[in-house]
N, C-alpha and C. Protein backbone atom coordinates (compact mmCIF):
# COMPACT_ATOMS: atom_id res chain seq x y z
N MET A 1 113.45 -99.45 10.49
CA MET A 1 113.01 -98.24 11.12
C MET A 1 113.54 -97.00 10.39
N GLU A 2 114.77 -97.13 9.95
CA GLU A 2 115.39 -96.04 9.21
C GLU A 2 114.62 -95.76 7.93
N ARG A 3 114.20 -96.81 7.28
CA ARG A 3 113.46 -96.66 6.03
C ARG A 3 112.12 -95.97 6.27
N ARG A 4 111.49 -96.29 7.38
CA ARG A 4 110.19 -95.69 7.71
C ARG A 4 110.35 -94.18 7.91
N ARG A 5 111.43 -93.75 8.54
CA ARG A 5 111.67 -92.33 8.73
C ARG A 5 111.90 -91.64 7.39
N SER A 6 112.61 -92.30 6.51
CA SER A 6 112.89 -91.71 5.20
C SER A 6 111.59 -91.51 4.42
N VAL A 7 110.72 -92.51 4.44
CA VAL A 7 109.44 -92.40 3.75
C VAL A 7 108.60 -91.29 4.37
N THR A 8 108.59 -91.20 5.69
CA THR A 8 107.83 -90.16 6.38
C THR A 8 108.40 -88.79 6.05
N ALA A 9 109.71 -88.66 6.02
CA ALA A 9 110.34 -87.37 5.73
C ALA A 9 110.05 -86.94 4.29
N VAL A 10 110.12 -87.89 3.36
CA VAL A 10 109.83 -87.56 1.96
C VAL A 10 108.37 -87.16 1.80
N ALA A 11 107.46 -87.86 2.46
CA ALA A 11 106.03 -87.54 2.38
C ALA A 11 105.77 -86.16 2.96
N ALA A 12 106.41 -85.85 4.09
CA ALA A 12 106.22 -84.54 4.71
C ALA A 12 106.76 -83.44 3.81
N LEU A 13 107.91 -83.69 3.19
CA LEU A 13 108.49 -82.71 2.29
C LEU A 13 107.60 -82.47 1.07
N LEU A 14 107.05 -83.56 0.52
CA LEU A 14 106.13 -83.42 -0.61
C LEU A 14 104.89 -82.62 -0.24
N LEU A 15 104.32 -82.92 0.93
CA LEU A 15 103.14 -82.17 1.39
C LEU A 15 103.47 -80.70 1.57
N LEU A 16 104.63 -80.41 2.11
CA LEU A 16 105.05 -79.03 2.31
C LEU A 16 105.20 -78.31 0.96
N LEU A 17 105.83 -78.98 0.00
CA LEU A 17 106.01 -78.37 -1.31
C LEU A 17 104.67 -78.14 -2.03
N VAL A 18 103.78 -79.12 -1.94
CA VAL A 18 102.46 -78.97 -2.56
C VAL A 18 101.69 -77.84 -1.89
N GLY A 19 101.76 -77.75 -0.57
CA GLY A 19 101.07 -76.68 0.14
C GLY A 19 101.60 -75.32 -0.24
N VAL A 20 102.90 -75.19 -0.37
CA VAL A 20 103.50 -73.91 -0.76
C VAL A 20 103.11 -73.56 -2.19
N ALA A 21 103.16 -74.55 -3.07
CA ALA A 21 102.83 -74.28 -4.47
C ALA A 21 101.37 -73.89 -4.65
N CYS A 22 100.48 -74.49 -3.88
CA CYS A 22 99.05 -74.20 -4.03
C CYS A 22 98.61 -72.96 -3.28
N GLY A 23 99.23 -72.65 -2.17
CA GLY A 23 98.73 -71.58 -1.33
C GLY A 23 99.48 -70.29 -1.41
N ALA A 24 100.69 -70.28 -1.89
CA ALA A 24 101.49 -69.07 -1.88
C ALA A 24 101.43 -68.40 -3.24
N PRO A 25 101.50 -67.06 -3.28
CA PRO A 25 101.54 -66.37 -4.56
C PRO A 25 102.84 -66.68 -5.29
N ALA A 26 102.80 -66.56 -6.61
CA ALA A 26 103.96 -66.89 -7.42
C ALA A 26 105.05 -65.85 -7.30
N GLY A 27 104.74 -64.65 -6.91
CA GLY A 27 105.75 -63.60 -6.78
C GLY A 27 105.36 -62.68 -5.65
N ASP A 28 106.09 -61.58 -5.52
CA ASP A 28 105.77 -60.64 -4.45
C ASP A 28 104.73 -59.63 -4.88
N GLY A 29 104.26 -59.71 -6.09
CA GLY A 29 103.22 -58.79 -6.57
C GLY A 29 103.79 -57.62 -7.33
N ALA A 30 105.03 -57.25 -7.05
CA ALA A 30 105.60 -56.09 -7.73
C ALA A 30 106.02 -56.42 -9.15
N SER A 31 106.50 -57.62 -9.36
CA SER A 31 107.00 -57.96 -10.68
C SER A 31 105.90 -58.29 -11.66
N ASP A 32 104.71 -58.70 -11.19
CA ASP A 32 103.64 -59.07 -12.12
C ASP A 32 102.60 -57.98 -12.30
N GLY A 33 102.90 -56.76 -11.88
CA GLY A 33 102.01 -55.65 -12.15
C GLY A 33 100.94 -55.44 -11.09
N GLU A 34 100.90 -56.25 -10.04
CA GLU A 34 99.88 -56.08 -9.01
C GLU A 34 100.38 -55.08 -7.98
N THR A 35 99.54 -54.07 -7.70
CA THR A 35 99.86 -53.09 -6.66
C THR A 35 98.61 -52.83 -5.86
N ASP A 36 98.80 -52.14 -4.76
CA ASP A 36 97.65 -51.76 -3.93
C ASP A 36 96.96 -50.52 -4.47
N GLU A 37 97.55 -49.86 -5.45
CA GLU A 37 96.98 -48.64 -6.00
C GLU A 37 96.00 -48.98 -7.11
N PRO A 38 94.87 -48.26 -7.19
CA PRO A 38 93.93 -48.52 -8.28
C PRO A 38 94.54 -48.11 -9.62
N ALA A 39 94.13 -48.82 -10.65
CA ALA A 39 94.63 -48.52 -11.99
C ALA A 39 94.00 -47.23 -12.49
N ALA A 40 94.79 -46.46 -13.20
CA ALA A 40 94.28 -45.21 -13.76
C ALA A 40 93.34 -45.52 -14.92
N ALA A 41 92.29 -44.74 -15.02
CA ALA A 41 91.34 -44.94 -16.12
C ALA A 41 91.99 -44.52 -17.43
N PRO A 42 91.79 -45.29 -18.48
CA PRO A 42 92.38 -44.90 -19.77
C PRO A 42 91.73 -43.62 -20.27
N THR A 43 92.52 -42.81 -20.90
CA THR A 43 91.99 -41.56 -21.44
C THR A 43 92.01 -41.63 -22.95
N THR A 44 91.06 -40.93 -23.56
CA THR A 44 91.01 -40.86 -25.01
C THR A 44 90.99 -39.40 -25.42
N ALA A 45 91.55 -39.14 -26.53
CA ALA A 45 91.55 -37.77 -27.04
C ALA A 45 90.17 -37.46 -27.61
N PRO A 46 89.69 -36.24 -27.41
CA PRO A 46 88.38 -35.89 -27.98
C PRO A 46 88.45 -35.90 -29.51
N ALA A 47 87.31 -36.18 -30.11
CA ALA A 47 87.23 -36.22 -31.57
C ALA A 47 87.46 -34.83 -32.13
N THR A 48 88.27 -34.75 -33.16
CA THR A 48 88.56 -33.45 -33.75
C THR A 48 87.71 -33.17 -34.98
N THR A 49 87.03 -34.21 -35.49
CA THR A 49 86.18 -34.00 -36.66
C THR A 49 84.77 -34.44 -36.34
N VAL A 50 83.83 -33.81 -36.98
CA VAL A 50 82.42 -34.15 -36.82
C VAL A 50 82.03 -35.04 -37.99
N PRO A 51 81.40 -36.20 -37.71
CA PRO A 51 81.00 -37.06 -38.83
C PRO A 51 80.02 -36.34 -39.74
N GLY A 52 80.24 -36.45 -41.02
CA GLY A 52 79.36 -35.82 -41.99
C GLY A 52 78.48 -36.84 -42.66
N PRO A 53 77.68 -36.42 -43.60
CA PRO A 53 76.82 -37.37 -44.30
C PRO A 53 77.66 -38.33 -45.12
N ARG A 54 77.15 -39.53 -45.26
CA ARG A 54 77.84 -40.54 -46.06
C ARG A 54 77.73 -40.17 -47.54
N PRO A 55 78.78 -40.40 -48.27
CA PRO A 55 78.68 -40.13 -49.71
C PRO A 55 77.69 -41.07 -50.36
N THR A 56 76.96 -40.57 -51.31
CA THR A 56 75.97 -41.39 -52.00
C THR A 56 76.55 -41.89 -53.30
N SER A 57 76.08 -43.04 -53.71
CA SER A 57 76.53 -43.58 -54.99
C SER A 57 75.50 -43.25 -56.06
N ASP A 58 75.87 -43.50 -57.29
CA ASP A 58 74.93 -43.28 -58.39
C ASP A 58 73.69 -44.15 -58.23
N LEU A 59 73.87 -45.37 -57.73
CA LEU A 59 72.75 -46.30 -57.56
C LEU A 59 71.74 -45.75 -56.56
N ALA A 60 72.22 -45.19 -55.46
CA ALA A 60 71.31 -44.65 -54.46
C ALA A 60 70.49 -43.49 -55.02
N ASP A 61 71.06 -42.76 -55.95
CA ASP A 61 70.32 -41.65 -56.55
C ASP A 61 69.23 -42.13 -57.50
N ARG A 62 69.40 -43.33 -58.05
CA ARG A 62 68.45 -43.85 -59.03
C ARG A 62 67.34 -44.68 -58.42
N VAL A 63 67.48 -45.11 -57.17
CA VAL A 63 66.49 -45.99 -56.55
C VAL A 63 65.37 -45.16 -55.94
N GLU A 64 64.15 -45.53 -56.27
CA GLU A 64 62.98 -44.84 -55.72
C GLU A 64 62.47 -45.63 -54.52
N PRO A 65 62.28 -44.99 -53.36
CA PRO A 65 61.78 -45.72 -52.20
C PRO A 65 60.41 -46.33 -52.47
N LEU A 66 60.16 -47.49 -51.88
CA LEU A 66 58.88 -48.18 -52.05
C LEU A 66 57.81 -47.49 -51.22
N ASP A 67 56.72 -47.18 -51.83
CA ASP A 67 55.58 -46.59 -51.13
C ASP A 67 54.49 -47.64 -51.07
N SER A 68 54.32 -48.27 -49.90
CA SER A 68 53.36 -49.37 -49.79
C SER A 68 51.93 -48.90 -50.02
N ALA A 69 51.66 -47.63 -49.86
CA ALA A 69 50.30 -47.14 -50.10
C ALA A 69 49.96 -47.18 -51.59
N ARG A 70 50.98 -47.19 -52.45
CA ARG A 70 50.73 -47.22 -53.89
C ARG A 70 50.60 -48.64 -54.42
N TYR A 71 50.88 -49.65 -53.61
CA TYR A 71 50.83 -51.04 -54.08
C TYR A 71 49.38 -51.44 -54.36
N ASP A 72 49.13 -51.89 -55.57
CA ASP A 72 47.80 -52.35 -55.94
C ASP A 72 47.92 -53.79 -56.44
N PRO A 73 47.48 -54.77 -55.66
CA PRO A 73 47.62 -56.17 -56.07
C PRO A 73 46.92 -56.47 -57.38
N ALA A 74 45.90 -55.71 -57.74
CA ALA A 74 45.18 -55.98 -58.98
C ALA A 74 46.07 -55.74 -60.20
N GLU A 75 47.13 -54.95 -60.04
CA GLU A 75 48.03 -54.69 -61.15
C GLU A 75 48.90 -55.90 -61.48
N HIS A 76 49.06 -56.79 -60.55
CA HIS A 76 49.93 -57.95 -60.75
C HIS A 76 49.12 -59.14 -61.23
N GLU A 77 49.65 -59.84 -62.21
CA GLU A 77 48.96 -61.01 -62.75
C GLU A 77 49.02 -62.16 -61.77
N ALA A 78 47.96 -62.93 -61.74
CA ALA A 78 47.96 -64.17 -60.95
C ALA A 78 48.84 -65.19 -61.66
N ALA A 79 49.36 -66.12 -60.92
CA ALA A 79 50.18 -67.17 -61.52
C ALA A 79 49.35 -67.98 -62.50
N THR A 80 50.01 -68.54 -63.51
CA THR A 80 49.28 -69.25 -64.56
C THR A 80 48.86 -70.65 -64.14
N ARG A 81 49.55 -71.27 -63.22
CA ARG A 81 49.21 -72.63 -62.80
C ARG A 81 48.02 -72.58 -61.84
N THR A 82 47.09 -73.47 -62.01
CA THR A 82 45.91 -73.52 -61.15
C THR A 82 46.04 -74.67 -60.16
N VAL A 83 45.83 -74.37 -58.91
CA VAL A 83 45.86 -75.39 -57.86
C VAL A 83 44.41 -75.78 -57.60
N THR A 84 44.12 -77.08 -57.60
CA THR A 84 42.72 -77.51 -57.46
C THR A 84 42.39 -78.16 -56.13
N GLY A 85 43.33 -78.82 -55.49
CA GLY A 85 43.01 -79.50 -54.24
C GLY A 85 44.25 -79.79 -53.41
N LEU A 86 44.01 -80.05 -52.14
CA LEU A 86 45.10 -80.35 -51.21
C LEU A 86 44.72 -81.57 -50.39
N SER A 87 45.63 -82.53 -50.32
CA SER A 87 45.41 -83.73 -49.49
C SER A 87 46.53 -83.86 -48.49
N LEU A 88 46.16 -83.99 -47.23
CA LEU A 88 47.11 -84.23 -46.14
C LEU A 88 46.54 -85.35 -45.28
N PRO A 89 46.75 -86.61 -45.68
CA PRO A 89 46.13 -87.73 -44.98
C PRO A 89 46.50 -87.80 -43.50
N VAL A 90 47.65 -87.33 -43.14
CA VAL A 90 48.10 -87.39 -41.75
C VAL A 90 47.16 -86.63 -40.80
N ILE A 91 46.51 -85.59 -41.31
CA ILE A 91 45.57 -84.83 -40.47
C ILE A 91 44.13 -84.96 -40.96
N GLY A 92 43.89 -85.91 -41.85
CA GLY A 92 42.53 -86.18 -42.29
C GLY A 92 42.00 -85.26 -43.37
N VAL A 93 42.85 -84.58 -44.10
CA VAL A 93 42.41 -83.71 -45.20
C VAL A 93 42.56 -84.49 -46.50
N ASP A 94 41.44 -84.62 -47.23
CA ASP A 94 41.46 -85.39 -48.47
C ASP A 94 40.80 -84.58 -49.57
N GLY A 95 41.60 -83.96 -50.42
CA GLY A 95 41.06 -83.22 -51.56
C GLY A 95 40.36 -81.94 -51.19
N ALA A 96 40.84 -81.20 -50.20
CA ALA A 96 40.22 -79.92 -49.83
C ALA A 96 40.34 -78.96 -51.01
N PRO A 97 39.24 -78.28 -51.36
CA PRO A 97 39.30 -77.35 -52.49
C PRO A 97 40.23 -76.18 -52.19
N VAL A 98 41.01 -75.79 -53.20
CA VAL A 98 41.94 -74.67 -53.07
C VAL A 98 41.42 -73.52 -53.91
N GLU A 99 41.24 -72.38 -53.29
CA GLU A 99 40.75 -71.18 -53.98
C GLU A 99 41.82 -70.10 -53.90
N PRO A 100 42.04 -69.38 -55.00
CA PRO A 100 43.00 -68.28 -54.94
C PRO A 100 42.50 -67.17 -54.02
N VAL A 101 43.40 -66.61 -53.23
CA VAL A 101 43.08 -65.48 -52.37
C VAL A 101 44.10 -64.38 -52.62
N GLY A 102 43.74 -63.18 -52.22
CA GLY A 102 44.62 -62.03 -52.44
C GLY A 102 44.88 -61.30 -51.15
N VAL A 103 44.64 -59.98 -51.22
CA VAL A 103 44.95 -59.11 -50.09
C VAL A 103 43.69 -58.34 -49.70
N GLU A 104 43.43 -58.27 -48.41
CA GLU A 104 42.31 -57.48 -47.88
C GLU A 104 42.63 -55.99 -48.03
N PRO A 105 41.63 -55.12 -47.95
CA PRO A 105 41.89 -53.68 -48.05
C PRO A 105 42.87 -53.16 -46.99
N ASN A 106 42.95 -53.86 -45.85
CA ASN A 106 43.88 -53.41 -44.80
C ASN A 106 45.30 -53.92 -45.02
N GLY A 107 45.53 -54.64 -46.14
CA GLY A 107 46.87 -55.12 -46.46
C GLY A 107 47.18 -56.53 -46.01
N GLU A 108 46.29 -57.17 -45.26
CA GLU A 108 46.51 -58.53 -44.80
C GLU A 108 46.05 -59.54 -45.85
N MET A 109 46.61 -60.74 -45.79
CA MET A 109 46.20 -61.79 -46.72
C MET A 109 44.76 -62.19 -46.44
N GLU A 110 43.99 -62.41 -47.51
CA GLU A 110 42.62 -62.91 -47.34
C GLU A 110 42.67 -64.29 -46.70
N ILE A 111 41.76 -64.56 -45.80
CA ILE A 111 41.68 -65.87 -45.14
C ILE A 111 40.49 -66.62 -45.74
N PRO A 112 40.71 -67.87 -46.15
CA PRO A 112 39.63 -68.63 -46.79
C PRO A 112 38.59 -69.11 -45.77
N PRO A 113 37.40 -69.49 -46.25
CA PRO A 113 36.41 -70.10 -45.35
C PRO A 113 36.98 -71.39 -44.75
N ALA A 114 36.36 -71.86 -43.68
CA ALA A 114 36.87 -73.02 -42.93
C ALA A 114 36.96 -74.28 -43.77
N GLU A 115 36.14 -74.43 -44.79
CA GLU A 115 36.12 -75.66 -45.59
C GLU A 115 37.12 -75.63 -46.74
N GLU A 116 37.79 -74.52 -46.97
CA GLU A 116 38.67 -74.37 -48.13
C GLU A 116 40.10 -74.08 -47.71
N VAL A 117 40.97 -74.21 -48.70
CA VAL A 117 42.38 -73.82 -48.54
C VAL A 117 42.59 -72.60 -49.42
N GLY A 118 43.22 -71.59 -48.89
CA GLY A 118 43.50 -70.39 -49.68
C GLY A 118 44.93 -70.42 -50.20
N TRP A 119 45.09 -70.15 -51.49
CA TRP A 119 46.42 -70.05 -52.10
C TRP A 119 46.64 -68.59 -52.45
N TYR A 120 47.72 -68.00 -51.94
CA TYR A 120 48.04 -66.60 -52.21
C TYR A 120 48.44 -66.46 -53.67
N ARG A 121 47.52 -65.90 -54.46
CA ARG A 121 47.67 -65.90 -55.92
C ARG A 121 48.74 -64.94 -56.43
N PHE A 122 49.22 -64.02 -55.61
CA PHE A 122 50.25 -63.08 -56.06
C PHE A 122 51.66 -63.60 -55.78
N GLY A 123 51.74 -64.81 -55.24
CA GLY A 123 53.04 -65.44 -55.01
C GLY A 123 53.24 -66.59 -55.98
N ALA A 124 54.21 -67.41 -55.68
CA ALA A 124 54.50 -68.57 -56.53
C ALA A 124 53.41 -69.62 -56.38
N ALA A 125 53.14 -70.32 -57.45
CA ALA A 125 52.20 -71.45 -57.41
C ALA A 125 52.98 -72.69 -57.00
N PRO A 126 52.32 -73.65 -56.36
CA PRO A 126 53.01 -74.89 -56.02
C PRO A 126 53.66 -75.50 -57.26
N GLY A 127 54.91 -75.89 -57.13
CA GLY A 127 55.66 -76.45 -58.25
C GLY A 127 56.50 -75.43 -58.98
N GLU A 128 56.25 -74.15 -58.76
CA GLU A 128 57.06 -73.11 -59.39
C GLU A 128 58.22 -72.73 -58.47
N SER A 129 59.16 -72.00 -59.02
CA SER A 129 60.27 -71.50 -58.23
C SER A 129 59.74 -70.47 -57.23
N GLY A 130 60.18 -70.54 -56.00
CA GLY A 130 59.73 -69.62 -54.96
C GLY A 130 58.88 -70.33 -53.94
N SER A 131 58.39 -69.59 -52.98
CA SER A 131 57.58 -70.16 -51.90
C SER A 131 56.10 -69.98 -52.19
N ALA A 132 55.37 -71.08 -52.25
CA ALA A 132 53.91 -71.02 -52.42
C ALA A 132 53.30 -70.88 -51.03
N VAL A 133 52.35 -69.98 -50.89
CA VAL A 133 51.72 -69.73 -49.60
C VAL A 133 50.30 -70.27 -49.63
N LEU A 134 50.00 -71.18 -48.71
CA LEU A 134 48.66 -71.75 -48.54
C LEU A 134 48.19 -71.46 -47.12
N ALA A 135 46.91 -71.15 -46.98
CA ALA A 135 46.35 -70.89 -45.65
C ALA A 135 45.08 -71.71 -45.49
N ALA A 136 44.89 -72.28 -44.31
CA ALA A 136 43.69 -73.10 -44.05
C ALA A 136 43.44 -73.16 -42.55
N HIS A 137 42.29 -73.75 -42.21
CA HIS A 137 41.90 -73.93 -40.81
C HIS A 137 41.70 -75.42 -40.56
N ILE A 138 41.92 -75.82 -39.35
CA ILE A 138 41.58 -77.19 -38.94
C ILE A 138 40.59 -77.05 -37.79
N ALA A 139 39.37 -77.57 -38.00
CA ALA A 139 38.38 -77.55 -36.93
C ALA A 139 38.61 -78.79 -36.07
N TYR A 140 38.75 -78.57 -34.77
CA TYR A 140 39.06 -79.68 -33.87
C TYR A 140 38.14 -79.61 -32.67
N ASP A 141 37.41 -80.68 -32.43
CA ASP A 141 36.58 -80.77 -31.23
C ASP A 141 37.33 -81.63 -30.23
N GLY A 142 37.84 -81.03 -29.23
CA GLY A 142 38.61 -81.83 -28.29
C GLY A 142 38.78 -81.14 -27.06
């Protein structure tokens, strides 16, 4: 019987300690900076200087801004490699003719007819360094 009381007393003491540890604050609030008063807003000193223009480098003085209205695709040579056909068996394309395309007067890439693949002739050709651009349509009845 004595042992049962000891176990009960130890269990009660443990529960009391756990309850105090979980439910009570760790301090009285004064030592950890907590008060009932709102914190003062931080203040900053007003700027004493006005930002000026950034200094320019010699390079910035030598660079001419790009004027897209002056771009004339006819001035640029087409790539020397000729693309003749495109096959993509996974979607049923077998030897679709590839025709070079350029830029429409409004600045957009020319779009090829539905039966052809358009290769953007002012970019890289397939197999050359850079990204080759191809455009096509897939007619699907479904």
